Amino acid sequence: MSRPLPRLLLPATLATLPALANADVTAEQVWKSWKAELDLIGAESISIGSERVSPDAVTIENMQITLTDPDIRMLATLESLRFTANGDGTVDVILPPAMPVTFTAADGSPSDRVTLSIGFGDMAMTASGDTDSLTYDLATDRTTLAITKAVEDGEPIPVTATVFVNDLSGTYSFSGNDPQVISYDLAAGSIDLLMEIADESDLFNITSQFNSISVVASATLPEGFDPNAPEAAIAAGLAGESSYSYGPSKTLVTIMEDGLTHSAIITGDGGGAAAAINGERLAVSSSLGGLNVEVSTMMLPAPVTISLGNYNIALNTPLARSLTPEPFSAALGITDLVIDDMLWGMIDPAGSFDNGPISAEIALSGTLRLLFDLLDPEQAEMMLDADMPAELHSLSIDALRLSGVGAEVTGSGAFELDYTRPGPIPDMPSAQGSAILEAIGLNALLEKLAALGMLPEDQVMGARMMLGMFANVVGPDQLRSTLEINEQGHVIVNGQRIQ
């Protein structure tokens, strides 16, 4: 079973994620809001064993929620659900101790099945506001999500898995009609993951803990929102943004296979991610820091370690076809990657290369004009076959640094492209701008590669000739190259015109 799990899990999430408002709300109004939210996320059916409504309370027994995706059907069962007015305009929502959730194939075949149990702990949930704007304040010592049974092709899968969310608290809000806005702001002291897959001879076991988790998100839903057609919904006005962060983490992995035991200890200082999307743009970013991996295996005499100071990636790009250029940016950074001496010795047994930290950083920005709408499935398909899916109008190399094995390359530059004037390359626009590249230790690196036979001597000779043609020596094994394209379209390298 495949990709629809995030959407199918949403009803279960709403049960655990349900600013204070001054208006009053009744128990029956909160119950009606719950049903509206389930309709919003595309619940195929809601069946209720019994429903008792009084002026101060609503009690629901044996509620079943069915949600069907093209591939998977989900059935969630709440044995009891109670909404109780507190007399001050707020309503307590009382959940059962646990909620079973079953996933099966959409055609009803029992050969593939996964059953989960979601436990709510001692959750306290209170709704406040009015019928147009409800906010749920929640807190619990621990919520759990556990796989209780898994079957694939009619055969049981020997898997046990449990996720514990500890000291969860925060708010979940639902407001407006056109558009509707959903937002939440949650924090957890820690999240623990325990999973094991075992058969008669093999074992896979993983234990993880992430501390100080924070999640903030909001979504604006257009009228007629269809959760089964996200691309159309975004084009119609769906917009959202979210971010999460976590602190120190530790993961233990054990693998037993073919009589051999392998293990790993993975620790980190923390990280996070953020995303924002609407009909016009997409922005995503992710980072982590202080990563350390220690691997032990019966195939090696001692543990080996790999550490990473920091990793980050970011992208901000237009999504819609436009008549004028739109800004974009992209960045990728890997800082201070350090490889264990023993592991490095397997790569470089002669110790020819410097085993210092390895870093790579590149950051680009500029403007471009998309010729297709990426959110239109038909146009996105056409874009894959197009010779020119977009027009690049400007490009800036904001950062460029590659360092490691005793060499370093840095650079910067900026160029403008003019599509009203033909360039020196057929079917390409004219360009204007300049860039500077500098290299330290490059010749020494080439010599070591040649001495080890990793690079043929004729290729080393050719590389040196190219460096001599396009770079100036500015210091001991230090090269600099300046590239310029002037207004007339002339290409100038280190002050000499080559085209």
Protein backbone atom coordinates (compact mmCIF):
# COMPACT_ATOMS: atom_id res chain seq x y z
CA MET A 1 0.00 0.00 0.00
CA SER A 2 1.30 3.37 -1.00
CA ARG A 3 1.30 7.17 -1.04
CA PRO A 4 -2.16 8.18 0.35
CA LEU A 5 -1.27 7.50 4.02
CA PRO A 6 -0.73 11.20 4.95
CA ARG A 7 -4.18 12.23 3.75
CA LEU A 8 -5.88 9.15 5.13
CA LEU A 9 -4.32 9.74 8.54
CA LEU A 10 -5.74 13.26 8.69
CA PRO A 11 -8.97 12.30 10.55
CA ALA A 12 -6.83 10.61 13.18
CA THR A 13 -4.62 13.68 13.32
CA LEU A 14 -7.62 15.95 13.76
CA ALA A 15 -8.61 13.92 16.80
CA THR A 16 -5.26 14.65 18.41
CA LEU A 17 -4.75 18.24 17.13
CA PRO A 18 -8.01 19.86 17.60
CA ALA A 19 -5.77 33.11 21.06
CA LEU A 20 -8.57 32.38 23.22
CA ALA A 21 -11.91 33.70 22.02
CA ASN A 22 -14.43 35.70 24.02
CA ALA A 23 -17.60 34.34 22.36
CA ASP A 24 -19.55 31.34 23.66
CA VAL A 25 -19.97 27.99 21.97
CA THR A 26 -22.27 25.09 22.80
CA ALA A 27 -21.55 21.37 22.90
CA GLU A 28 -23.81 20.74 19.90
CA GLN A 29 -22.07 23.47 17.87
CA VAL A 30 -18.67 21.92 18.51
CA TRP A 31 -20.01 18.52 17.44
CA LYS A 32 -21.36 20.02 14.21
CA SER A 33 -17.97 21.61 13.59
CA TRP A 34 -16.30 18.21 13.92
CA LYS A 35 -18.61 16.75 11.30
CA ALA A 36 -17.92 19.70 8.99
CA GLU A 37 -14.17 19.13 9.34
CA LEU A 38 -14.55 15.46 8.47
CA ASP A 39 -16.54 16.42 5.36
CA LEU A 40 -13.83 18.91 4.48
CA ILE A 41 -11.10 16.29 4.35
CA GLY A 42 -13.22 14.00 2.21
CA ALA A 43 -14.67 11.45 4.62
CA GLU A 44 -16.62 9.03 2.44
CA SER A 45 -19.01 8.05 5.21
CA ILE A 46 -19.61 8.61 8.91
CA SER A 47 -21.72 6.06 10.78
CA ILE A 48 -22.84 6.54 14.38
CA GLY A 49 -24.16 3.87 16.71
CA SER A 50 -26.01 6.38 18.89
CA GLU A 51 -26.16 10.14 19.38
CA ARG A 52 -27.57 11.71 22.54
CA VAL A 53 -27.99 15.49 22.66
CA SER A 54 -28.84 17.49 25.80
CA PRO A 55 -28.57 21.24 26.51
CA ASP A 56 -25.11 20.80 28.07
CA ALA A 57 -23.66 17.71 26.38
CA VAL A 58 -23.48 15.56 23.25
CA THR A 59 -22.54 11.90 23.59
CA ILE A 60 -21.58 9.84 20.55
CA GLU A 61 -21.17 6.06 20.66
CA ASN A 62 -19.45 3.80 18.10
CA MET A 63 -18.59 6.38 15.44
CA GLN A 64 -16.89 4.97 12.34
CA ILE A 65 -15.16 7.15 9.76
CA THR A 66 -14.39 5.80 6.28
CA LEU A 67 -12.04 7.53 3.89
CA THR A 68 -11.17 6.05 0.50
CA ASP A 69 -8.29 6.87 -1.77
CA PRO A 70 -7.82 5.33 -5.24
CA ASP A 71 -5.50 2.78 -3.63
CA ILE A 72 -6.37 2.58 0.08
CA ARG A 73 -9.41 2.57 2.33
CA MET A 74 -9.19 3.76 5.93
CA LEU A 75 -11.61 2.91 8.71
CA ALA A 76 -11.27 4.70 12.07
CA THR A 77 -13.46 3.85 15.05
CA LEU A 78 -14.20 5.98 18.10
CA GLU A 79 -16.05 3.91 20.69
CA SER A 80 -17.12 7.05 22.51
CA LEU A 81 -16.89 10.80 22.03
CA ARG A 82 -18.33 13.36 24.44
CA PHE A 83 -18.72 17.14 24.22
CA THR A 84 -19.49 18.74 27.60
CA ALA A 85 -20.25 22.43 28.21
CA ASN A 86 -18.32 24.00 31.09
CA GLY A 87 -20.76 26.82 31.81
CA ASP A 88 -18.28 29.53 30.79
CA GLY A 89 -18.79 29.37 27.03
CA THR A 90 -16.19 26.63 26.51
CA VAL A 91 -16.67 22.93 25.77
CA ASP A 92 -14.54 19.98 26.85
CA VAL A 93 -13.97 17.26 24.26
CA ILE A 94 -13.53 13.84 25.89
CA LEU A 95 -11.95 11.17 23.75
CA PRO A 96 -11.77 7.40 24.37
CA PRO A 97 -8.48 5.92 25.60
CA ALA A 98 -7.60 4.73 22.08
CA MET A 99 -8.82 4.74 18.48
CA PRO A 100 -8.19 1.76 16.16
CA VAL A 101 -7.48 2.62 12.51
CA THR A 102 -7.42 -0.01 9.75
CA PHE A 103 -6.00 0.42 6.25
CA THR A 104 -7.00 -2.00 3.50
CA ALA A 105 -6.91 -2.04 -0.28
CA ALA A 106 -9.55 0.20 -1.84
CA ASP A 107 -11.19 -2.79 -3.52
CA GLY A 108 -11.80 -4.41 -0.13
CA SER A 109 -9.29 -7.22 -0.59
CA PRO A 110 -8.13 -8.54 2.83
CA SER A 111 -4.73 -9.66 1.49
CA ASP A 112 -3.15 -6.31 2.40
CA ARG A 113 -4.03 -4.80 5.76
CA VAL A 114 -2.43 -2.57 8.40
CA THR A 115 -4.08 -1.92 11.76
CA LEU A 116 -2.98 0.93 14.00
CA SER A 117 -3.96 1.97 17.49
CA ILE A 118 -3.84 5.65 18.41
CA GLY A 119 -3.77 6.26 22.15
CA PHE A 120 -4.69 9.69 23.55
CA GLY A 121 -3.25 9.38 27.07
CA ASP A 122 -4.79 11.77 29.62
CA MET A 123 -5.61 14.34 26.94
CA ALA A 124 -7.44 17.48 28.01
CA MET A 125 -9.06 19.27 25.06
CA THR A 126 -11.19 22.40 25.36
CA ALA A 127 -12.98 24.22 22.54
CA SER A 128 -13.64 27.95 22.66
CA GLY A 129 -14.84 30.64 20.29
CA ASP A 130 -17.99 30.61 18.17
CA THR A 131 -19.43 28.77 15.18
CA ASP A 132 -17.30 30.82 12.76
CA SER A 133 -14.03 30.43 14.65
CA LEU A 134 -13.22 27.53 16.94
CA THR A 135 -9.96 27.01 18.80
CA TYR A 136 -9.02 23.79 20.55
CA ASP A 137 -6.51 23.99 23.40
CA LEU A 138 -5.04 20.58 24.15
CA ALA A 139 -2.48 18.99 26.42
CA THR A 140 -1.55 15.40 27.21
CA ASP A 141 1.29 13.54 28.86
CA ARG A 142 1.64 11.03 26.03
CA THR A 143 -0.04 10.05 22.79
CA THR A 144 0.89 6.84 20.99
CA LEU A 145 0.60 5.38 17.52
CA ALA A 146 1.28 1.66 17.30
CA ILE A 147 1.07 -0.92 14.53
CA THR A 148 -0.94 -3.79 15.99
CA LYS A 149 -1.14 -5.97 12.84
CA ALA A 150 0.26 -5.92 9.30
CA VAL A 151 -0.50 -8.31 6.44
CA GLU A 152 0.93 -8.23 2.91
CA ASP A 153 -0.24 -10.59 0.16
CA GLY A 154 -2.09 -12.56 2.82
CA GLU A 155 1.04 -13.18 4.88
CA PRO A 156 1.64 -11.57 8.30
CA ILE A 157 4.53 -9.11 8.47
CA PRO A 158 6.65 -9.65 11.60
CA VAL A 159 6.74 -5.96 12.51
CA THR A 160 6.16 -4.07 15.73
CA ALA A 161 6.30 -0.28 15.75
CA THR A 162 5.26 2.41 18.21
CA VAL A 163 5.61 6.17 18.20
CA PHE A 164 5.30 8.03 21.51
CA VAL A 165 4.65 11.79 21.55
CA ASN A 166 5.47 13.03 25.04
CA ASP A 167 4.23 16.19 26.77
CA LEU A 168 2.18 17.40 23.80
CA SER A 169 0.44 20.77 24.05
CA GLY A 170 -0.79 23.53 21.79
CA THR A 171 -3.74 24.82 19.81
CA TYR A 172 -5.67 23.86 16.71
CA SER A 173 -8.00 26.38 15.04
CA PHE A 174 -10.69 26.20 12.39
CA SER A 175 -12.29 29.43 11.16
CA GLY A 176 -14.15 31.02 8.28
CA ASN A 177 -16.24 29.63 5.47
CA ASP A 178 -14.96 31.16 2.24
CA PRO A 179 -12.10 30.83 2.54
CA GLN A 180 -11.68 28.46 5.44
CA VAL A 181 -8.50 28.70 7.50
CA ILE A 182 -6.97 25.83 9.48
CA SER A 183 -3.97 26.46 11.71
CA TYR A 184 -2.13 24.76 14.51
CA ASP A 185 0.74 25.51 16.85
CA LEU A 186 2.03 22.47 18.73
CA ALA A 187 5.00 21.56 20.88
CA ALA A 188 6.20 18.27 22.33
CA GLY A 189 8.90 17.52 24.86
CA SER A 190 10.09 14.53 22.85
CA ILE A 191 9.10 11.92 20.29
CA ASP A 192 10.22 8.30 20.69
CA LEU A 193 10.18 5.72 17.89
CA LEU A 194 10.54 1.97 18.44
CA MET A 195 10.38 -0.39 15.48
CA GLU A 196 11.46 -3.98 14.89
CA ILE A 197 11.10 -6.32 11.94
CA ALA A 198 12.19 -9.87 12.73
CA ASP A 199 11.89 -13.31 11.23
CA GLU A 200 13.62 -16.58 12.06
CA SER A 201 17.12 -15.42 11.14
CA ASP A 202 17.13 -11.71 10.31
CA LEU A 203 16.45 -8.64 12.42
CA PHE A 204 16.02 -4.93 11.85
CA ASN A 205 15.62 -2.78 14.96
CA ILE A 206 15.53 1.01 15.27
CA THR A 207 15.09 3.19 18.34
CA SER A 208 14.97 6.99 18.02
CA GLN A 209 14.35 9.98 20.22
CA PHE A 210 13.89 13.58 19.08
CA ASN A 211 13.67 16.32 21.70
CA SER A 212 12.06 19.78 21.85
CA ILE A 213 9.74 19.49 18.85
CA SER A 214 7.76 22.46 17.55
CA VAL A 215 5.26 22.44 14.68
CA VAL A 216 3.46 25.50 13.28
CA ALA A 217 1.24 25.43 10.19
CA SER A 218 -1.72 27.09 8.53
CA ALA A 219 -3.77 26.47 5.39
CA THR A 220 -6.31 28.56 3.54
CA LEU A 221 -8.89 26.39 1.76
CA PRO A 222 -10.89 27.78 -1.20
CA GLU A 223 -14.62 27.21 -1.64
CA GLY A 224 -15.30 23.73 -2.98
CA PHE A 225 -11.93 22.40 -1.80
CA ASP A 226 -11.39 18.83 -3.02
CA PRO A 227 -8.68 16.92 -1.10
CA ASN A 228 -8.47 14.44 -4.00
CA ALA A 229 -7.35 17.15 -6.46
CA PRO A 230 -4.61 19.18 -4.75
CA GLU A 231 -3.25 20.73 -7.96
CA ALA A 232 -6.66 22.12 -8.89
CA ALA A 233 -7.21 23.30 -5.32
CA ILE A 234 -3.94 25.25 -5.32
CA ALA A 235 -4.84 26.87 -8.62
CA ALA A 236 -8.23 27.78 -7.11
CA GLY A 237 -6.69 29.51 -4.10
CA LEU A 238 -5.38 26.85 -1.71
CA ALA A 239 -2.38 28.22 0.16
CA GLY A 240 -0.43 26.96 3.10
CA GLU A 241 2.74 27.26 5.08
CA SER A 242 4.31 25.08 7.73
CA SER A 243 7.50 24.68 9.70
CA TYR A 244 8.91 22.32 12.26
CA SER A 245 12.04 22.18 14.35
CA TYR A 246 13.60 19.71 16.76
CA GLY A 247 16.50 19.70 19.17
CA PRO A 248 19.04 17.01 20.08
CA SER A 249 18.30 13.56 18.69
CA LYS A 250 19.67 10.03 18.98
CA THR A 251 18.96 6.93 16.89
CA LEU A 252 20.17 3.36 17.44
CA VAL A 253 20.00 0.89 14.53
CA THR A 254 20.72 -2.85 14.70
CA ILE A 255 20.72 -5.19 11.71
CA MET A 256 21.30 -8.95 11.84
CA GLU A 257 21.58 -10.64 8.47
CA ASP A 258 23.32 -13.78 7.19
CA GLY A 259 24.89 -14.36 10.59
CA LEU A 260 26.44 -10.89 10.73
CA THR A 261 25.52 -8.07 13.11
CA HIS A 262 25.73 -4.41 12.14
CA SER A 263 24.82 -1.42 14.28
CA ALA A 264 24.86 2.36 14.10
CA ILE A 265 24.52 5.22 16.55
CA ILE A 266 23.29 8.46 14.97
CA THR A 267 23.19 11.69 16.98
CA GLY A 268 22.42 15.27 16.02
CA ASP A 269 22.18 18.72 17.53
CA GLY A 270 18.85 19.49 15.83
CA GLY A 271 17.27 20.68 12.64
CA GLY A 272 14.05 21.62 10.96
CA ALA A 273 12.22 22.37 7.75
CA ALA A 274 9.76 24.90 6.33
CA ALA A 275 7.48 25.05 3.31
CA ALA A 276 5.06 27.52 1.78
CA ILE A 277 2.95 27.13 -1.36
CA ASN A 278 0.23 28.97 -3.23
CA GLY A 279 -0.89 29.19 -6.83
CA GLU A 280 2.09 31.35 -7.76
CA ARG A 281 5.13 30.18 -5.78
CA LEU A 282 6.78 27.40 -3.80
CA ALA A 283 9.38 27.84 -1.06
CA VAL A 284 10.99 24.94 0.81
CA SER A 285 13.99 24.67 3.10
CA SER A 286 15.58 22.09 5.37
CA SER A 287 18.59 21.99 7.67
CA LEU A 288 20.30 19.90 10.32
CA GLY A 289 23.43 20.33 12.38
CA GLY A 290 25.95 18.44 14.45
CA LEU A 291 25.28 15.06 12.81
CA ASN A 292 27.49 12.18 13.94
CA VAL A 293 27.24 8.58 12.71
CA GLU A 294 29.16 5.71 14.31
CA VAL A 295 28.92 2.36 12.53
CA SER A 296 30.00 -0.98 13.98
CA THR A 297 30.06 -4.12 11.89
CA MET A 298 31.59 -7.57 12.16
CA MET A 299 33.16 -6.88 8.75
CA LEU A 300 35.47 -4.20 10.24
CA PRO A 301 37.90 -4.50 13.17
CA ALA A 302 36.70 -1.28 14.86
CA PRO A 303 33.81 1.22 14.63
CA VAL A 304 34.01 3.95 12.01
CA THR A 305 32.53 7.43 12.30
CA ILE A 306 31.34 10.13 9.95
CA SER A 307 30.39 13.60 11.19
CA LEU A 308 28.81 16.61 9.55
CA GLY A 309 28.86 20.14 10.90
CA ASN A 310 25.81 21.38 9.01
CA TYR A 311 23.57 20.58 6.06
CA ASN A 312 21.04 22.90 4.45
CA ILE A 313 18.98 23.07 1.27
CA ALA A 314 16.53 25.72 0.09
CA LEU A 315 14.46 26.48 -2.99
CA ASN A 316 12.18 29.42 -3.80
CA THR A 317 10.64 29.31 -7.26
CA PRO A 318 7.62 30.44 -9.26
CA LEU A 319 5.04 27.81 -10.21
CA ALA A 320 2.88 29.70 -12.70
CA ARG A 321 3.46 30.74 -16.29
CA SER A 322 4.09 34.47 -16.47
CA LEU A 323 4.65 37.28 -18.96
CA THR A 324 7.45 38.85 -16.94
CA PRO A 325 10.46 37.34 -15.16
CA GLU A 326 9.96 36.24 -11.55
CA PRO A 327 12.64 35.88 -8.84
CA PHE A 328 14.02 32.50 -7.84
CA SER A 329 16.74 31.22 -5.53
CA ALA A 330 18.35 27.89 -4.68
CA ALA A 331 21.00 26.88 -2.17
CA LEU A 332 22.78 23.74 -1.03
CA GLY A 333 25.36 23.54 1.71
CA ILE A 334 27.38 20.75 3.31
CA THR A 335 29.83 21.98 5.92
CA ASP A 336 32.66 20.14 7.67
CA LEU A 337 32.08 16.57 6.54
CA VAL A 338 34.70 14.51 8.39
CA ILE A 339 35.41 10.86 7.52
CA ASP A 340 36.96 8.47 10.03
CA ASP A 341 40.69 7.81 9.44
CA MET A 342 40.17 4.06 9.16
CA LEU A 343 37.39 4.46 6.61
CA TRP A 344 39.43 7.09 4.75
CA GLY A 345 42.35 4.64 4.69
CA MET A 346 40.19 2.19 2.74
CA ILE A 347 39.68 4.90 0.09
CA ASP A 348 43.23 6.27 0.23
CA PRO A 349 45.48 3.53 1.68
CA ALA A 350 48.68 5.42 0.83
CA GLY A 351 47.56 8.52 2.70
CA SER A 352 48.18 10.70 -0.33
CA PHE A 353 45.28 13.07 0.25
CA ASP A 354 44.53 15.43 3.09
CA ASN A 355 41.74 13.94 5.22
CA GLY A 356 40.50 17.30 6.48
CA PRO A 357 36.89 18.53 6.63
CA ILE A 358 35.07 18.56 3.28
CA SER A 359 32.66 21.40 2.53
CA ALA A 360 30.50 22.32 -0.43
CA GLU A 361 28.38 25.43 -0.68
CA ILE A 362 26.49 26.90 -3.61
CA ALA A 363 23.82 29.61 -3.61
CA LEU A 364 22.16 30.92 -6.76
CA SER A 365 19.51 33.57 -7.35
CA GLY A 366 18.06 35.40 -10.30
CA THR A 367 14.92 35.77 -12.38
CA LEU A 368 13.19 33.43 -14.78
CA ARG A 369 9.97 33.21 -16.75
CA LEU A 370 8.14 29.90 -16.75
CA LEU A 371 6.56 28.98 -20.09
CA PHE A 372 4.23 26.41 -18.47
CA ASP A 373 2.02 26.16 -15.38
CA LEU A 374 3.59 23.52 -13.17
CA LEU A 375 0.33 22.96 -11.28
CA ASP A 376 -1.50 21.98 -14.47
CA PRO A 377 -0.83 18.24 -14.96
CA GLU A 378 -1.14 18.51 -18.75
CA GLN A 379 1.23 21.46 -18.96
CA ALA A 380 3.66 19.82 -16.55
CA GLU A 381 3.75 16.81 -18.87
CA MET A 382 4.35 19.07 -21.87
CA MET A 383 7.13 20.85 -19.99
CA LEU A 384 9.13 17.62 -19.72
CA ASP A 385 9.28 17.38 -23.51
CA ALA A 386 9.85 21.08 -24.20
CA ASP A 387 13.22 22.24 -25.56
CA MET A 388 13.02 25.37 -23.38
CA PRO A 389 10.58 25.02 -20.44
CA ALA A 390 11.63 28.40 -18.99
CA GLU A 391 13.55 31.54 -19.87
CA LEU A 392 16.42 32.43 -17.56
CA HIS A 393 16.71 36.23 -17.50
CA SER A 394 19.33 36.75 -14.80
CA LEU A 395 21.63 34.58 -12.72
CA SER A 396 23.75 35.48 -9.72
CA ILE A 397 26.31 33.15 -8.14
CA ASP A 398 25.93 34.39 -4.59
CA ALA A 399 28.19 31.75 -3.08
CA LEU A 400 30.42 29.00 -4.45
CA ARG A 401 32.90 27.09 -2.33
CA LEU A 402 34.21 23.56 -2.71
CA SER A 403 36.96 22.48 -0.33
CA GLY A 404 38.55 19.18 0.59
CA VAL A 405 41.46 16.77 -0.10
CA GLY A 406 43.82 19.75 0.07
CA ALA A 407 42.16 21.91 -2.59
CA GLU A 408 39.61 24.70 -2.60
CA VAL A 409 37.57 26.38 -5.34
CA THR A 410 35.59 29.58 -4.75
CA GLY A 411 33.66 31.85 -7.07
CA SER A 412 31.06 34.55 -7.55
CA GLY A 413 29.42 36.34 -10.46
CA ALA A 414 26.29 37.68 -12.09
CA PHE A 415 24.87 37.64 -15.62
CA GLU A 416 21.90 39.21 -17.42
CA LEU A 417 20.28 37.55 -20.45
CA ASP A 418 18.47 39.49 -23.18
CA TYR A 419 16.01 37.51 -25.30
CA THR A 420 15.47 40.41 -27.70
CA ARG A 421 19.03 40.00 -29.01
CA PRO A 422 20.57 36.79 -30.40
CA GLY A 423 23.70 35.54 -28.68
CA PRO A 424 26.82 33.88 -30.06
CA ILE A 425 25.25 30.45 -29.57
CA PRO A 426 22.43 29.67 -32.05
CA ASP A 427 18.90 29.91 -30.59
CA MET A 428 20.28 31.37 -27.37
CA PRO A 429 19.91 34.96 -26.07
CA SER A 430 22.71 37.44 -25.61
CA ALA A 431 24.29 37.73 -22.17
CA GLN A 432 26.22 40.33 -20.20
CA GLY A 433 28.05 40.03 -16.88
CA SER A 434 31.15 38.65 -15.20
CA ALA A 435 32.36 35.90 -12.87
CA ILE A 436 35.53 35.21 -10.89
CA LEU A 437 36.82 31.76 -10.00
CA GLU A 438 39.77 31.04 -7.71
CA ALA A 439 41.46 27.72 -6.98
CA ILE A 440 44.06 26.77 -4.37
CA GLY A 441 45.95 23.46 -4.42
CA LEU A 442 44.47 22.29 -7.71
CA ASN A 443 47.79 21.43 -9.39
CA ALA A 444 48.92 19.41 -6.37
CA LEU A 445 45.64 17.50 -6.44
CA LEU A 446 46.09 16.69 -10.14
CA GLU A 447 49.61 15.43 -9.48
CA LYS A 448 48.42 13.10 -6.71
CA LEU A 449 45.61 11.74 -8.88
CA ALA A 450 48.07 11.03 -11.66
CA ALA A 451 50.63 9.43 -9.31
CA LEU A 452 48.00 7.05 -7.97
CA GLY A 453 46.81 6.17 -11.48
CA MET A 454 43.35 7.57 -10.74
CA LEU A 455 43.69 10.03 -13.64
CA PRO A 456 45.58 9.25 -16.88
CA GLU A 457 48.67 11.36 -17.52
CA ASP A 458 47.34 12.68 -20.84
CA GLN A 459 44.18 13.95 -19.11
CA VAL A 460 46.27 15.65 -16.44
CA MET A 461 48.34 17.29 -19.18
CA GLY A 462 45.18 18.47 -20.92
CA ALA A 463 43.78 19.87 -17.66
CA ARG A 464 46.99 21.79 -17.02
CA MET A 465 46.92 23.24 -20.53
CA MET A 466 43.35 24.42 -20.00
CA LEU A 467 44.29 25.98 -16.67
CA GLY A 468 47.21 27.73 -18.33
CA MET A 469 44.93 29.15 -21.02
CA PHE A 470 42.09 30.31 -18.79
CA ALA A 471 43.68 31.05 -15.40
CA ASN A 472 46.37 33.34 -14.03
CA VAL A 473 48.85 32.29 -11.36
CA VAL A 474 48.42 34.66 -8.41
CA GLY A 475 50.33 32.71 -5.76
CA PRO A 476 51.86 29.33 -4.91
CA ASP A 477 49.46 26.84 -6.54
CA GLN A 478 46.81 29.57 -6.53
CA LEU A 479 44.90 30.34 -9.72
CA ARG A 480 42.37 33.01 -10.63
CA SER A 481 40.17 33.31 -13.70
CA THR A 482 37.96 36.25 -14.62
CA LEU A 483 35.24 35.77 -17.23
CA GLU A 484 33.43 38.76 -18.71
CA ILE A 485 30.76 39.09 -21.37
CA ASN A 486 30.48 42.75 -22.38
CA GLU A 487 27.63 44.72 -23.90
CA GLN A 488 28.81 43.87 -27.41
CA GLY A 489 28.65 40.15 -26.62
CA HIS A 490 32.42 39.73 -26.54
CA VAL A 491 33.74 36.98 -24.29
CA ILE A 492 36.81 38.16 -22.36
CA VAL A 493 38.91 35.88 -20.14
CA ASN A 494 41.53 37.49 -17.91
CA GLY A 495 41.46 40.65 -20.00
CA GLN A 496 41.85 38.92 -23.38
CA ARG A 497 39.01 38.56 -25.86
CA ILE A 498 38.47 34.99 -27.00
CA GLN A 499 35.23 35.55 -28.93
